[in-house]
Protein backbone atom coordinates (compact mmCIF):
# COMPACT_ATOMS: atom_id res chain seq x y z
CA MET A 1 103.04 -12.85 148.70
CA GLN A 2 104.46 -15.32 151.29
CA LYS A 3 106.64 -16.58 148.45
CA TRP A 4 108.32 -13.12 148.09
CA LEU A 5 107.81 -11.90 151.58
CA PRO A 6 108.19 -14.99 154.01
CA PHE A 7 107.62 -12.89 157.24
CA LEU A 8 103.69 -12.80 156.11
CA GLY A 9 103.56 -16.56 157.06
CA TRP A 10 104.80 -16.44 160.54
CA LEU A 11 104.03 -12.77 161.53
CA PRO A 12 100.06 -13.40 162.18
CA ASP A 13 100.68 -16.33 164.47
CA TYR A 14 103.39 -14.37 166.49
CA THR A 15 103.24 -14.98 170.36
CA TRP A 16 104.66 -13.13 173.40
CA TYR A 17 106.89 -16.20 174.05
CA ALA A 18 108.42 -15.79 170.69
CA LEU A 19 108.92 -12.13 171.41
CA LYS A 20 110.70 -12.75 174.63
CA MET A 21 113.02 -15.43 173.01
CA ASP A 22 113.63 -13.13 169.96
CA PHE A 23 114.49 -10.22 172.26
CA ILE A 24 117.06 -12.33 174.27
CA ALA A 25 118.60 -13.76 171.12
CA GLY A 26 118.77 -10.42 169.44
CA ILE A 27 120.60 -8.79 172.48
CA SER A 28 122.92 -11.85 172.63
CA VAL A 29 124.02 -11.60 168.89
CA GLY A 30 124.23 -7.73 169.18
CA LEU A 31 126.66 -8.11 172.00
CA THR A 32 128.52 -10.48 169.81
CA VAL A 33 128.56 -8.41 166.47
CA ILE A 34 129.61 -5.10 167.91
CA PRO A 35 133.09 -6.16 168.79
CA GLN A 36 133.37 -8.56 165.90
CA ALA A 37 132.38 -5.83 163.41
CA LEU A 38 135.16 -3.38 164.72
CA ALA A 39 137.57 -6.34 164.34
CA TYR A 40 136.49 -7.50 160.95
CA ALA A 41 136.97 -3.93 159.60
CA GLU A 42 140.65 -4.30 160.44
CA VAL A 43 140.77 -7.34 158.48
CA ALA A 44 139.24 -5.77 155.52
CA GLY A 45 141.61 -2.99 155.83
CA LEU A 46 139.13 -0.28 156.61
CA PRO A 47 138.46 2.10 159.36
CA PRO A 48 136.50 0.46 162.20
CA GLN A 49 133.27 2.34 161.84
CA TYR A 50 132.90 0.48 158.37
CA GLY A 51 132.44 -2.79 160.28
CA LEU A 52 129.44 -1.24 162.38
CA TYR A 53 127.99 0.31 159.16
CA SER A 54 128.02 -3.21 157.60
CA ALA A 55 126.26 -4.89 160.63
CA PHE A 56 122.72 -3.55 160.89
CA MET A 57 121.11 -3.51 157.36
CA GLY A 58 121.08 -7.39 157.01
CA CYS A 59 119.15 -7.61 160.20
CA PHE A 60 116.20 -5.60 159.05
CA VAL A 61 116.22 -6.95 155.53
CA TYR A 62 116.32 -10.56 156.76
CA PHE A 63 113.27 -9.92 158.88
CA PHE A 64 111.26 -9.44 155.54
CA LEU A 65 112.98 -11.89 153.34
CA GLY A 66 114.62 -14.66 155.42
CA THR A 67 113.59 -18.07 155.32
CA SER A 68 115.72 -19.28 158.18
CA ARG A 69 114.89 -18.21 161.91
CA ASP A 70 118.55 -18.50 162.82
CA VAL A 71 120.63 -16.93 160.16
CA THR A 72 122.28 -13.40 160.86
CA LEU A 73 123.72 -11.43 158.14
CA GLY A 74 126.58 -9.02 158.47
CA PRO A 75 130.53 -8.79 158.34
CA THR A 76 132.44 -12.12 158.42
CA ALA A 77 136.12 -13.05 158.73
CA ILE A 78 136.16 -14.65 155.16
CA MET A 79 134.23 -11.76 153.47
CA SER A 80 136.50 -9.35 155.10
CA LEU A 81 139.51 -10.99 153.81
CA LEU A 82 138.19 -11.08 150.43
CA VAL A 83 137.33 -7.39 150.58
CA SER A 84 140.85 -6.61 151.55
CA PHE A 85 142.08 -8.45 148.44
CA TYR A 86 140.05 -6.58 145.95
CA THR A 87 139.36 -3.11 147.31
CA PHE A 88 142.86 -1.73 147.91
CA HIS A 89 141.87 -0.86 151.57
CA GLU A 90 139.91 2.10 150.16
CA PRO A 91 136.35 2.52 151.49
CA ALA A 92 134.92 3.92 148.35
CA TYR A 93 136.10 0.49 146.36
CA ALA A 94 134.52 -1.43 149.33
CA VAL A 95 131.05 0.27 149.26
CA LEU A 96 131.11 -0.09 145.33
CA LEU A 97 131.85 -3.74 145.61
CA ALA A 98 129.10 -4.30 148.06
CA PHE A 99 126.49 -2.44 145.62
CA LEU A 100 127.85 -4.39 142.46
CA SER A 101 127.78 -7.69 144.48
CA GLY A 102 124.31 -7.22 145.61
CA CYS A 103 123.15 -6.56 142.07
CA ILE A 104 124.89 -9.82 140.85
CA GLN A 105 123.25 -11.73 143.77
CA LEU A 106 119.85 -10.08 143.26
CA GLY A 107 119.97 -11.09 139.61
CA MET A 108 121.06 -14.67 140.27
CA GLY A 109 118.06 -14.84 142.84
CA PHE A 110 115.55 -13.90 140.22
CA LEU A 111 116.88 -16.09 137.56
CA ARG A 112 117.07 -18.98 139.98
CA LEU A 113 120.81 -19.52 139.38
CA GLY A 114 121.44 -20.90 142.85
CA LEU A 115 122.39 -24.08 141.03
CA LEU A 116 125.70 -22.61 140.06
CA LEU A 117 126.82 -23.15 143.72
CA ASP A 118 126.42 -26.82 143.27
CA PHE A 119 129.63 -26.81 141.16
CA ILE A 120 131.73 -25.59 144.47
CA SER A 121 132.32 -28.95 146.16
CA CYS A 122 132.74 -29.29 149.84
CA PRO A 123 136.56 -30.03 149.65
CA ILE A 124 136.90 -26.63 147.92
CA ILE A 125 135.05 -24.93 150.71
CA LYS A 126 137.03 -26.66 153.26
CA GLY A 127 140.33 -25.89 151.53
CA PHE A 128 139.45 -22.20 151.12
CA THR A 129 138.19 -21.72 154.68
CA SER A 130 141.18 -23.46 156.25
CA ALA A 131 143.56 -21.29 154.16
CA ALA A 132 141.48 -18.22 154.97
CA ALA A 133 141.73 -19.23 158.78
CA ILE A 134 145.58 -19.06 158.58
CA ILE A 135 145.74 -15.99 156.46
CA ILE A 136 143.41 -14.13 158.83
CA GLY A 137 144.79 -15.52 162.01
CA PHE A 138 148.17 -14.76 160.91
CA GLY A 139 147.36 -11.31 159.74
CA GLN A 140 146.47 -10.39 163.39
CA ILE A 141 149.65 -11.36 164.92
CA LYS A 142 150.95 -7.77 164.09
CA ASN A 143 148.31 -6.34 166.05
CA LEU A 144 148.63 -8.99 168.94
CA LEU A 145 152.19 -8.03 169.24
CA GLY A 146 151.81 -4.31 168.45
CA LEU A 147 154.09 -4.48 165.34
CA GLN A 148 154.04 -1.56 162.99
CA HIS A 149 154.47 -1.23 159.09
CA ILE A 150 153.86 -4.96 158.24
CA PRO A 151 152.73 -5.61 154.64
CA ARG A 152 149.33 -7.34 153.87
CA GLN A 153 150.57 -9.82 151.44
CA PHE A 154 150.73 -13.22 153.22
CA PHE A 155 154.29 -14.31 152.45
CA LEU A 156 155.67 -10.70 152.97
CA GLN A 157 153.73 -10.60 156.03
CA VAL A 158 155.36 -13.82 157.46
CA TYR A 159 158.74 -12.60 156.68
CA TYR A 160 158.33 -9.05 158.24
CA THR A 161 156.49 -10.54 161.21
CA PHE A 162 159.56 -12.62 162.16
CA HIS A 163 161.95 -10.04 161.01
CA ASN A 164 160.58 -7.39 163.34
CA ILE A 165 159.64 -9.67 166.18
CA GLY A 166 162.04 -7.78 168.34
CA GLU A 167 160.01 -4.67 168.22
CA THR A 168 157.31 -6.38 170.08
CA ARG A 169 155.36 -4.19 172.41
CA VAL A 170 155.11 -6.13 175.74
CA GLY A 171 151.81 -4.29 176.84
CA ASP A 172 150.07 -5.41 173.65
CA ALA A 173 151.53 -8.97 173.78
CA VAL A 174 150.49 -9.50 177.31
CA LEU A 175 147.13 -8.10 176.98
CA GLY A 176 146.35 -9.91 173.64
CA LEU A 177 147.37 -13.17 175.27
CA VAL A 178 145.11 -12.68 178.18
CA CYS A 179 142.23 -11.81 176.05
CA MET A 180 142.72 -14.99 173.99
CA VAL A 181 142.98 -17.07 177.27
CA LEU A 182 139.72 -15.45 178.67
CA LEU A 183 137.90 -16.06 175.42
CA LEU A 184 138.88 -19.52 175.37
CA VAL A 185 137.95 -20.27 179.09
CA LEU A 186 134.46 -18.59 178.48
CA LYS A 187 133.92 -20.74 175.38
CA LEU A 188 134.87 -23.90 177.30
CA MET A 189 132.46 -22.77 180.20
CA ARG A 190 129.67 -22.21 177.66
CA ASP A 191 130.19 -25.70 175.94
CA HIS A 192 130.02 -27.39 179.31
CA VAL A 193 127.38 -25.60 181.21
CA PRO A 194 124.66 -28.35 182.12
CA PRO A 195 121.02 -27.76 180.64
CA VAL A 196 118.50 -26.19 182.79
CA HIS A 197 115.68 -28.18 184.30
CA PRO A 198 112.37 -26.91 185.54
CA GLU A 199 112.82 -28.68 188.93
CA MET A 200 116.09 -26.87 189.63
CA PRO A 201 115.87 -24.39 192.44
CA THR A 202 115.41 -20.57 191.50
CA GLY A 203 118.92 -19.52 192.70
CA VAL A 204 120.65 -22.24 190.45
CA ARG A 205 118.44 -21.10 187.33
CA LEU A 206 119.43 -17.74 187.94
CA SER A 207 123.02 -18.48 188.31
CA HIS A 208 122.84 -20.66 185.16
CA GLY A 209 121.21 -17.69 183.27
CA LEU A 210 124.14 -15.38 184.27
CA VAL A 211 126.86 -17.81 183.25
CA TRP A 212 124.99 -18.46 179.99
CA THR A 213 124.79 -14.58 179.43
CA ALA A 214 128.39 -13.97 180.17
CA THR A 215 129.70 -16.77 178.09
CA THR A 216 127.49 -16.00 175.23
CA ALA A 217 128.56 -12.37 175.12
CA ARG A 218 132.18 -13.16 176.04
CA ASN A 219 133.58 -11.04 172.95
CA ALA A 220 131.81 -7.94 174.49
CA LEU A 221 132.99 -8.59 177.92
CA VAL A 222 136.67 -9.24 176.88
CA VAL A 223 136.76 -6.17 174.74
CA SER A 224 135.11 -4.00 177.51
CA PHE A 225 137.71 -5.40 179.89
CA ALA A 226 140.48 -4.59 177.67
CA ALA A 227 139.09 -0.97 177.10
CA LEU A 228 138.81 -0.60 180.76
CA VAL A 229 142.58 -1.52 181.24
CA ALA A 230 143.56 0.85 178.58
CA TYR A 231 141.56 3.76 180.00
CA SER A 232 143.04 3.21 183.33
CA PHE A 233 146.53 3.58 181.91
CA GLN A 234 145.32 6.58 179.89
CA VAL A 235 144.26 8.42 183.14
CA THR A 236 147.88 7.77 184.68
CA GLY A 237 149.41 9.33 181.55
CA TYR A 238 150.96 6.15 180.19
CA GLN A 239 149.57 4.18 177.37
CA PRO A 240 151.42 0.74 176.82
CA PHE A 241 148.85 -0.33 174.06
CA VAL A 242 148.00 0.59 170.43
CA LEU A 243 144.45 1.85 170.53
CA THR A 244 141.70 1.73 167.98
CA GLY A 245 141.47 5.43 168.09
CA LYS A 246 138.79 8.00 167.14
CA THR A 247 135.62 6.51 165.56
CA PRO A 248 133.25 8.80 163.75
CA GLU A 249 129.87 9.03 165.66
CA GLY A 250 126.49 8.37 164.19
CA LEU A 251 125.40 6.58 160.91
CA PRO A 252 126.54 8.19 157.46
CA ASP A 253 123.82 9.96 155.46
CA ALA A 254 122.25 7.83 152.93
CA HIS A 255 123.91 8.33 149.45
CA ILE A 256 124.41 6.27 146.28
CA PRO A 257 127.61 4.24 146.02
CA PRO A 258 130.68 6.13 144.82
CA PHE A 259 130.88 5.43 141.01
CA SER A 260 133.96 7.39 140.60
CA VAL A 261 136.92 8.42 143.07
CA THR A 262 138.86 11.72 143.06
CA THR A 263 142.66 11.40 144.28
CA ALA A 264 145.45 13.58 144.19
CA ASN A 265 146.47 12.16 140.72
CA GLY A 266 143.01 12.84 139.19
CA THR A 267 139.76 11.15 139.05
CA ILE A 268 139.23 7.36 138.70
CA SER A 269 136.22 6.48 136.61
CA PHE A 270 133.62 3.74 137.23
CA THR A 271 135.20 1.57 134.49
CA GLU A 272 138.68 2.01 136.05
CA MET A 273 137.16 1.12 139.48
CA VAL A 274 135.53 -2.14 137.94
CA GLN A 275 138.66 -3.09 136.26
CA GLY A 276 140.71 -2.63 139.46
CA MET A 277 138.45 -4.95 141.32
CA GLY A 278 138.65 -7.40 138.57
CA ALA A 279 137.93 -11.12 139.57
CA GLY A 280 136.39 -9.80 142.97
CA LEU A 281 133.26 -9.09 141.03
CA VAL A 282 132.84 -12.85 140.60
CA VAL A 283 134.56 -14.07 143.72
CA VAL A 284 132.94 -11.93 146.43
CA PRO A 285 129.22 -12.53 145.21
CA LEU A 286 129.74 -16.31 144.93
CA MET A 287 131.66 -16.72 148.18
CA GLY A 288 128.90 -14.50 149.90
CA LEU A 289 126.06 -16.61 148.36
CA LEU A 290 127.92 -19.86 149.28
CA GLU A 291 128.65 -18.95 152.88
CA SER A 292 125.12 -17.79 153.53
CA ILE A 293 123.30 -20.55 152.02
CA ALA A 294 125.64 -23.14 153.66
CA VAL A 295 125.05 -21.60 156.85
CA ALA A 296 121.35 -21.46 156.46
CA LYS A 297 121.10 -25.23 155.21
CA SER A 298 123.15 -26.21 158.08
CA PHE A 299 120.93 -24.84 160.81
CA ALA A 300 117.97 -25.72 158.87
CA SER A 301 118.77 -29.29 158.94
CA GLN A 302 119.85 -29.33 162.44
CA ASN A 303 116.25 -27.81 163.60
CA ASN A 304 114.08 -29.61 161.21
CA TYR A 305 112.87 -26.95 158.91
CA ARG A 306 113.35 -26.00 155.17
CA ILE A 307 114.77 -23.01 153.53
CA ASN A 308 114.42 -21.62 150.06
CA SER A 309 117.84 -21.00 148.58
CA ASN A 310 116.63 -18.64 145.84
CA GLN A 311 114.97 -16.49 148.54
CA GLU A 312 118.26 -16.47 150.47
CA LEU A 313 119.77 -15.09 147.34
CA LEU A 314 117.28 -12.27 147.20
CA ALA A 315 118.03 -11.42 150.93
CA ILE A 316 121.62 -11.31 150.74
CA GLY A 317 121.62 -9.49 147.49
CA LEU A 318 119.04 -6.65 148.78
CA THR A 319 121.05 -6.42 151.89
CA ASN A 320 124.31 -5.70 150.09
CA ILE A 321 122.62 -3.20 147.68
CA LEU A 322 120.75 -1.17 150.61
CA GLY A 323 123.64 -1.49 152.90
CA SER A 324 125.96 -0.02 150.36
CA LEU A 325 123.84 3.30 150.45
CA PHE A 326 125.19 3.60 154.27
CA SER A 327 128.79 2.77 153.28
CA SER A 328 128.65 -0.90 154.07
CA TYR A 329 131.12 -3.34 152.47
CA PRO A 330 129.85 -6.83 151.33
CA VAL A 331 128.40 -9.11 153.94
CA THR A 332 126.96 -12.63 154.30
CA GLY A 333 125.58 -15.18 156.84
CA SER A 334 127.87 -15.59 159.76
CA PHE A 335 128.25 -19.13 161.08
CA GLY A 336 129.39 -18.13 164.59
CA ARG A 337 126.61 -15.56 165.33
CA THR A 338 124.07 -17.83 163.70
CA ALA A 339 125.11 -20.34 166.16
CA VAL A 340 124.72 -17.91 169.03
CA ASN A 341 121.35 -17.01 167.71
CA ALA A 342 120.13 -20.52 167.50
CA GLN A 343 121.56 -21.39 171.02
CA SER A 344 119.75 -18.44 172.41
CA GLY A 345 116.36 -19.90 171.56
CA VAL A 346 115.40 -17.60 168.54
CA CYS A 347 111.92 -18.29 167.31
CA THR A 348 111.75 -16.03 164.24
CA PRO A 349 113.91 -13.59 162.22
CA ALA A 350 112.47 -10.91 164.33
CA GLY A 351 115.39 -11.34 166.69
CA GLY A 352 117.47 -9.49 164.03
CA LEU A 353 115.60 -6.28 164.69
CA MET A 354 116.99 -6.00 168.18
CA THR A 355 120.46 -6.83 166.95
CA GLY A 356 120.08 -4.08 164.27
CA ALA A 357 118.68 -1.65 166.83
CA LEU A 358 121.71 -2.54 169.16
CA VAL A 359 124.19 -1.70 166.50
CA LEU A 360 122.66 1.66 165.59
CA LEU A 361 122.55 2.65 169.15
CA SER A 362 126.19 1.80 169.66
CA LEU A 363 127.03 3.99 166.62
CA ASP A 364 125.14 6.94 168.23
CA TYR A 365 126.32 6.67 171.85
CA LEU A 366 129.32 4.20 172.18
CA THR A 367 131.87 5.38 169.39
CA SER A 368 133.61 7.65 172.03
CA LEU A 369 134.46 4.44 174.15
CA PHE A 370 135.63 2.63 171.06
CA TYR A 371 138.71 5.06 171.17
CA TYR A 372 140.21 3.00 174.12
CA ILE A 373 139.79 -0.41 172.74
CA PRO A 374 143.36 -1.92 172.25
CA LYS A 375 143.96 -3.44 168.77
CA SER A 376 145.54 -6.41 170.44
CA ALA A 377 142.13 -7.10 172.09
CA LEU A 378 140.30 -7.16 168.70
CA ALA A 379 143.15 -9.24 167.26
CA ALA A 380 142.30 -11.88 170.12
CA VAL A 381 138.64 -11.78 169.08
CA ILE A 382 139.43 -12.38 165.37
CA ILE A 383 141.88 -15.15 166.12
CA MET A 384 139.59 -17.11 168.50
CA ALA A 385 136.58 -16.51 165.79
CA VAL A 386 138.70 -18.05 163.03
CA VAL A 387 140.23 -20.91 164.69
CA PRO A 388 137.18 -23.16 164.32
CA LEU A 389 137.32 -22.59 160.56
CA PHE A 390 140.52 -24.74 160.32
CA ASP A 391 139.24 -28.29 159.88
CA THR A 392 141.65 -30.60 160.93
CA LYS A 393 139.52 -33.72 160.56
CA ILE A 394 138.72 -33.23 156.81
CA VAL A 395 141.86 -34.84 155.61
CA ARG A 396 141.25 -38.01 157.61
CA THR A 397 137.66 -38.04 156.62
CA LEU A 398 138.38 -37.64 153.05
CA TRP A 399 141.03 -40.35 153.19
CA ARG A 400 138.56 -42.66 154.44
CA VAL A 401 135.65 -41.79 152.08
CA LYS A 402 137.23 -40.78 148.83
CA ARG A 403 140.89 -40.16 148.52
CA LEU A 404 140.71 -38.43 145.08
CA ASP A 405 138.71 -35.58 146.86
CA LEU A 406 141.93 -34.62 148.64
CA LEU A 407 143.33 -33.31 145.27
CA PRO A 408 140.90 -30.39 145.05
CA LEU A 409 141.27 -29.72 148.75
CA CYS A 410 144.89 -29.43 148.75
CA VAL A 411 145.04 -27.41 145.54
CA THR A 412 142.54 -24.97 146.68
CA PHE A 413 144.37 -24.69 150.19
CA LEU A 414 147.75 -24.07 148.73
CA LEU A 415 146.81 -21.73 145.97
CA CYS A 416 144.61 -19.55 148.20
CA PHE A 417 147.83 -18.49 149.85
CA TRP A 418 148.91 -16.98 146.69
CA GLU A 419 145.58 -15.57 145.30
CA VAL A 420 142.25 -16.47 146.76
CA GLN A 421 140.41 -16.42 143.34
CA TYR A 422 143.14 -18.57 141.89
CA GLY A 423 142.63 -21.13 144.62
CA ILE A 424 138.93 -21.37 144.32
CA LEU A 425 139.16 -21.58 140.54
CA ALA A 426 141.86 -24.18 140.38
CA GLY A 427 139.93 -26.17 142.99
CA ALA A 428 136.65 -25.98 140.98
CA LEU A 429 138.73 -27.01 137.82
CA VAL A 430 140.08 -30.01 139.49
CA SER A 431 136.60 -31.06 140.88
CA VAL A 432 135.10 -30.77 137.31
CA LEU A 433 137.99 -32.76 135.88
CA ILE A 434 137.17 -35.51 138.46
CA LEU A 435 133.65 -35.51 137.60
CA LEU A 436 134.32 -35.65 133.95
CA HIS A 437 136.78 -38.42 134.24
CA SER A 438 134.01 -40.67 136.01
CA VAL A 439 131.79 -39.72 133.18
CA ALA A 440 134.49 -40.43 130.36
CA ARG A 441 135.71 -43.58 131.97
CA PRO A 442 132.67 -45.31 133.69
CA LYS A 443 133.33 -48.59 135.50
CA ILE A 444 132.21 -51.62 133.56
CA GLN A 445 131.45 -54.74 135.16
CA VAL A 446 132.32 -58.09 133.28
CA SER A 447 130.40 -61.32 133.83
CA GLU A 448 131.31 -64.70 132.27
CA GLY A 449 128.49 -66.98 130.96
CA PRO A 450 127.19 -68.37 127.71
CA MET A 451 127.47 -64.71 126.74
CA LEU A 452 129.87 -62.21 127.86
CA VAL A 453 127.88 -59.46 129.92
CA LEU A 454 129.20 -55.92 130.17
CA GLN A 455 127.26 -53.77 132.52
CA PRO A 456 128.39 -49.92 132.82
CA ALA A 457 128.06 -48.90 136.19
CA SER A 458 126.78 -45.29 135.40
CA GLY A 459 125.12 -43.41 132.52
CA LEU A 460 126.60 -43.70 128.86
CA HIS A 461 127.45 -40.30 127.28
CA PHE A 462 129.77 -39.36 124.52
CA PRO A 463 133.01 -39.15 126.43
CA ALA A 464 132.62 -42.73 127.51
CA ILE A 465 132.03 -44.41 124.16
CA GLU A 466 135.65 -44.92 123.53
CA THR A 467 135.92 -46.68 126.87
CA LEU A 468 133.07 -48.97 125.96
CA ARG A 469 134.32 -49.63 122.52
CA GLU A 470 137.76 -50.68 123.80
CA ALA A 471 136.15 -53.00 126.32
CA LEU A 472 134.02 -54.85 123.83
CA LEU A 473 136.97 -55.05 121.46
CA SER A 474 139.56 -56.39 123.83
CA ARG A 475 137.16 -58.73 125.40
CA ALA A 476 135.08 -60.06 122.74
CA LEU A 477 136.26 -59.41 119.11
CA GLU A 478 139.91 -59.76 119.62
CA THR A 479 139.50 -63.13 121.00
CA SER A 480 139.59 -66.30 119.05
CA PRO A 481 136.71 -67.28 118.38
CA PRO A 482 135.01 -63.87 118.74
CA ARG A 483 132.40 -63.90 121.55
CA SER A 484 128.80 -62.70 121.60
CA VAL A 485 128.09 -60.02 124.28
CA ALA A 486 125.11 -58.73 126.02
CA LEU A 487 125.34 -55.00 127.05
CA ASP A 488 123.39 -54.72 130.35
CA CYS A 489 121.75 -51.24 130.04
CA THR A 490 120.06 -51.36 133.62
CA HIS A 491 121.96 -48.37 134.99
CA ILE A 492 121.88 -46.32 131.79
CA CYS A 493 119.00 -43.67 131.96
CA SER A 494 120.01 -41.56 128.99
CA ILE A 495 122.26 -41.52 125.88
CA ASP A 496 123.14 -39.03 123.25
CA TYR A 497 123.70 -38.99 119.47
CA THR A 498 127.45 -39.77 119.67
CA VAL A 499 126.82 -42.91 121.84
CA VAL A 500 124.14 -44.02 119.17
CA LEU A 501 126.66 -43.70 116.38
CA GLY A 502 129.17 -45.60 118.41
CA LEU A 503 126.80 -48.56 118.98
CA GLY A 504 126.04 -48.46 115.15
CA GLU A 505 129.76 -48.91 114.53
CA LEU A 506 130.19 -51.53 117.06
CA LEU A 507 127.25 -53.40 115.56
CA GLU A 508 128.85 -53.52 112.22
CA ASP A 509 132.13 -54.78 113.69
CA PHE A 510 130.16 -57.52 115.54
CA HIS A 511 128.46 -58.45 112.27
CA LYS A 512 131.68 -58.56 110.32
CA ARG A 513 133.10 -61.00 112.86
CA GLY A 514 130.22 -63.14 112.96
CA ALA A 515 129.24 -62.45 116.55
CA THR A 516 126.12 -60.85 118.36
CA LEU A 517 125.76 -57.81 120.22
CA ALA A 518 122.37 -57.69 122.25
CA LEU A 519 121.17 -54.95 124.46
CA ILE A 520 119.25 -56.00 127.59
CA GLY A 521 117.53 -54.21 130.44
CA LEU A 522 116.78 -51.02 128.35
CA GLN A 523 114.99 -48.22 130.16
CA VAL A 524 112.15 -46.46 128.12
CA PRO A 525 114.02 -43.21 127.60
CA VAL A 526 116.98 -45.15 126.14
CA LEU A 527 114.81 -47.29 124.14
CA ARG A 528 113.04 -44.25 122.63
CA VAL A 529 116.31 -42.66 121.43
CA LEU A 530 117.52 -45.99 119.84
CA LEU A 531 114.18 -46.58 118.02
CA SER A 532 114.23 -42.97 116.76
CA ALA A 533 117.80 -43.56 115.44
CA ASP A 534 116.63 -46.57 113.55
CA LEU A 535 119.69 -48.68 114.02
CA LYS A 536 120.00 -51.74 111.87
CA GLY A 537 120.81 -55.19 113.13
CA VAL A 538 120.54 -54.41 116.85
CA LEU A 539 118.96 -57.00 119.08
CA TYR A 540 116.99 -55.84 122.09
CA PHE A 541 115.99 -58.35 124.92
CA CYS A 542 114.24 -57.68 128.22
CA THR A 543 116.29 -60.00 130.21
CA LEU A 544 119.79 -61.96 129.89
CA GLU A 545 117.90 -65.18 129.87
CA GLU A 546 116.19 -64.29 126.63
CA ALA A 547 119.24 -63.25 125.06
CA GLU A 548 121.04 -66.50 125.97
CA LYS A 549 118.02 -68.58 124.71
CA TYR A 550 118.03 -66.62 121.37
CA LEU A 551 121.75 -67.30 121.04
CA LYS A 552 121.22 -71.05 121.66
CA GLN A 553 118.45 -70.76 118.97
CA GLU A 554 115.94 -72.22 121.53
CA PRO A 555 112.30 -72.03 120.23
CA GLY A 556 110.00 -69.42 121.72
CA THR A 557 112.46 -66.47 121.86
CA GLN A 558 112.22 -63.49 119.52
CA PRO A 559 114.18 -60.37 120.01
CA TYR A 560 112.50 -57.09 119.29
CA ASN A 561 114.84 -55.62 116.51
CA GLY A 562 113.90 -52.01 116.20
CA SER A 563 110.37 -52.08 114.45
CA GLU A 564 107.33 -51.53 116.48
CA ASP A 565 106.00 -54.99 115.62
CA SER A 566 108.96 -56.66 117.53
CA VAL A 567 108.74 -54.39 120.73
CA PRO A 568 106.82 -55.89 123.59
CA GLU A 569 103.49 -54.49 124.24
CA HIS A 570 104.22 -52.80 127.45
CA LYS A 571 107.08 -51.09 125.89
CA ILE A 572 104.88 -49.80 123.14
CA ALA A 573 102.51 -48.35 125.74
CA LEU A 574 105.34 -46.44 127.48
CA LEU A 575 106.64 -45.11 124.31
CA LYS A 576 103.12 -43.98 123.16
CA ALA A 577 102.65 -42.28 126.65
């Protein structure tokens, strides 16, 4: 049962110390997620309450199914951006997308299909997240400046933002910039607070705890400050800010996701809704899984514990399915809140219970206060949250490590400004082509000696046989006189039927020109295939020295030429095994 319900493994050994640390971490993450959830709903193009509807279910599901003590599931900037692309800013579409994404993710978890994520390389992820950071950040400039009627398409957004810059509301701009400065200062304080030591005086430790709490909950503090400023102006009868407005109180009743939508122009069927979401039914589930598993693996490696990727798939899938019953849009693992959770000293996934309870309490008792939150303050929260997503070091790193990886990075980054799915798909296609190129054109090391030695640097599969053939023809058979060749198969662990046919043709070419093609250093799986193919005239040697002695017709050297009698005894034993 622990395989499917990991909490059964740690719950029997739960301690009071773990309860205390999980309580502190849960409160810290809760104070972070509430303002972020309100802000991310704006990114998704949905009313603010939908951010809170999406923020609590993952906390409870992950308690039972999660394998990482640090991860928190909920709305994120990137997932909110994807939702805005595929749901037309309609809550019904967003909720249905959460349900269908959860079903896809749950199915992938049961079928152990997490390996599909291995084809999304790091340059693709970096290119996408960097582009998303710019799209999300620039998308909040309109709220930061109090601009109205700005379209959501990125290039139109850039044009109309600069075109309407003269309509900037001074109050929103000043408050937004002040909030950004406060968030930056609090973050720097958090990063530079010295660690606590037991020998420190009680007063110093207490002040350290207060600073740590204030800097950890900086989003909640800054948003509360902005709301207090806005309320003060409201009392005087003058309001210089654009406010969030009325937020419905309480949690919506549980109901199945909407499989059809009734509009003024008629009813949109389930099939039409699915067709409208299009590529989102692939992009959203995959990116949700990718983000969540990347976060889990990152913190697991930092804190020396292991996670189960397929179990993480089940957790995120079930979260989206159950969340859709309470009007949630798709969610995933949050890197920022997971970092807060880890830095708060969380011991188990039980910390999420306090976070979820805090979100539910805010829905019941704080929604009337959300009315006074200025949109410019939420914009400041979003901008400061996505700035770390833009990785400025990756280009320099890839230039040093492997310059060819810059190609999928740049393709993904640029095309994501057009359409996110095209950027990810094009980046993945370029990465696969680079991978196939290395398979089709393996590097071949050439050594001179009594025999010409060619050593492929990697495996030998059907796309590579032409490269090998050209190398052998140009260096051995097209010379005068033709040279004998030893093909060093040390690095070849598998071959296919096309390669066997190609070797057979090469053997005929060498035989016609009166030269020798010998295979040395064969691994057992390759030898098994060659013996099964029953190639005629091929010479197998264990070492290059044996092949050179045979070529010089020195006594005592005998190749094993394809029959069992000529294969060394240790090879026969391995083959029979």
